[in-house]
Protein backbone atom coordinates (compact mmCIF):
# COMPACT_ATOMS: atom_id res chain seq x y z
CA MET A 1 0.05 -0.02 0.09
CA VAL A 2 2.53 2.70 -1.02
CA ASP A 3 -0.35 5.33 -1.94
CA GLY A 4 -1.87 4.72 1.51
CA ARG A 5 -5.30 3.47 0.25
CA ASN A 6 -6.87 0.33 0.99
CA ARG A 7 -6.68 -2.06 -1.71
CA ARG A 8 -9.38 -4.46 -0.44
CA VAL A 9 -12.79 -4.23 -2.54
CA HIS A 10 -15.00 -6.05 -0.42
CA GLN A 11 -16.77 -5.47 3.02
CA ARG A 12 -15.13 -7.12 5.80
CA ALA A 13 -16.29 -8.94 9.10
CA LEU A 14 -13.44 -9.28 11.56
CA GLY A 15 -14.95 -12.67 13.14
CA PRO A 16 -14.07 -14.92 14.71
CA PHE A 17 -16.30 -17.41 12.75
CA ASP A 18 -16.46 -21.02 13.56
CA ALA A 19 -15.96 -23.21 10.30
CA ALA A 20 -14.59 -26.52 9.26
CA ARG A 21 -12.38 -27.91 6.41
CA ILE A 22 -14.25 -30.38 4.88
CA GLY A 23 -12.61 -33.62 3.90
CA PRO A 24 -12.52 -37.22 5.01
CA ILE A 25 -12.69 -35.92 8.48
CA ASP A 26 -13.84 -32.34 8.97
CA LEU A 27 -11.05 -30.06 10.59
CA PRO A 28 -12.62 -27.44 13.01
CA ILE A 29 -11.09 -24.22 12.37
CA ARG A 30 -11.67 -20.53 13.07
CA LEU A 31 -11.88 -17.87 10.51
CA TYR A 32 -11.46 -14.08 10.65
CA ASP A 33 -11.63 -10.93 8.43
CA LEU A 34 -14.10 -12.72 6.14
CA SER A 35 -15.33 -10.98 3.15
CA LEU A 36 -16.93 -11.98 -0.28
CA GLY A 37 -13.37 -12.60 -1.60
CA GLY A 38 -11.91 -14.88 1.24
CA CYS A 39 -10.88 -14.64 4.58
CA PHE A 40 -8.00 -15.68 7.36
CA VAL A 41 -8.04 -19.08 8.67
CA ASN A 42 -6.51 -19.44 11.99
CA ASP A 43 -5.15 -23.14 12.04
CA THR A 44 -2.02 -23.99 13.79
CA HIS A 45 -1.72 -27.10 11.68
CA ASP A 46 0.62 -26.89 8.39
CA PRO A 47 -1.23 -24.35 6.14
CA PRO A 48 -2.01 -26.11 2.66
CA PRO A 49 0.29 -25.45 -0.29
CA ARG A 50 -0.31 -22.23 -2.24
CA GLY A 51 -2.95 -22.88 -4.83
CA ARG A 52 -4.51 -25.96 -2.76
CA LYS A 53 -8.24 -25.96 -3.30
CA PHE A 54 -10.65 -27.34 -0.76
CA ARG A 55 -14.07 -26.87 0.73
CA LEU A 56 -14.94 -24.97 3.86
CA ARG A 57 -18.33 -24.85 5.64
CA ILE A 58 -18.55 -21.58 7.44
CA GLU A 59 -21.18 -20.90 10.25
CA LEU A 60 -22.59 -17.38 9.99
CA PRO A 61 -24.79 -15.64 12.38
CA GLU A 62 -28.19 -17.50 11.66
CA ASP A 63 -26.93 -19.19 8.64
CA VAL A 64 -24.34 -21.94 7.30
CA ILE A 65 -22.59 -21.81 3.89
CA THR A 66 -20.30 -23.92 1.93
CA VAL A 67 -17.65 -22.47 -0.44
CA ARG A 68 -14.75 -23.91 -2.30
CA ALA A 69 -11.52 -21.97 -1.28
CA GLU A 70 -7.95 -21.78 -2.59
CA ALA A 71 -4.94 -21.30 -0.33
CA VAL A 72 -3.13 -18.12 -1.09
CA TYR A 73 -0.47 -17.66 1.37
CA GLY A 74 0.25 -19.31 5.03
CA ARG A 75 2.20 -18.63 7.85
CA ASN A 76 3.28 -21.86 10.02
CA GLY A 77 1.97 -22.05 13.50
CA PHE A 78 -0.42 -19.19 12.82
CA GLY A 79 -2.92 -19.67 9.81
CA TYR A 80 -3.36 -19.14 6.17
CA ALA A 81 -5.27 -16.75 3.76
CA VAL A 82 -7.75 -18.02 1.28
CA ARG A 83 -9.69 -16.69 -1.65
CA PHE A 84 -13.11 -17.94 -2.38
CA VAL A 85 -13.03 -19.62 -5.94
CA GLU A 86 -16.78 -21.12 -6.09
CA PHE A 87 -20.05 -20.77 -3.91
CA ALA A 88 -22.48 -23.43 -3.27
CA GLU A 89 -25.89 -22.46 -4.76
CA ASP A 90 -27.07 -19.21 -3.27
CA ALA A 91 -24.02 -19.14 -0.75
CA GLU A 92 -22.84 -15.89 -2.03
CA GLU A 93 -25.68 -13.97 -1.62
CA ARG A 94 -26.29 -15.48 1.71
CA LEU A 95 -22.67 -14.33 2.66
CA GLU A 96 -23.19 -10.82 1.21
CA ARG A 97 -26.43 -10.41 3.19
CA ALA A 98 -24.73 -11.44 6.57
CA LEU A 99 -21.67 -9.22 5.83
CA ASP A 100 -23.99 -6.35 5.36
CA ARG A 101 -24.92 -6.77 8.95
CA LEU A 102 -21.66 -7.51 10.08
CA ALA A 103 -19.15 -5.40 8.25
CA VAL A 104 -16.65 -2.84 9.83
CA PRO A 105 -16.72 0.45 7.97
CA ALA A 106 -13.75 0.75 5.53
């Protein structure tokens, strides 16, 4: 941010949000900085490699959605950032409504 402007284009909700990384055994995780574009996953396990895609189940207030996410970067022992690459059914609209209620001012 050389020019001092916020490069983020989506509203954000700080969290935390309970979630799970869906797999053979669902892994409970906690999400922060949630937006339509992605979020930060607070997970002390090894982060997935950059570019790895997986499904997340996100518990929003009054709703639960499923998204397909892609790992963007990670920090061992801390967590990793993901971008959302696909939403199940009407999940994108439901997330947008939740963010309208929860978002922090830019």
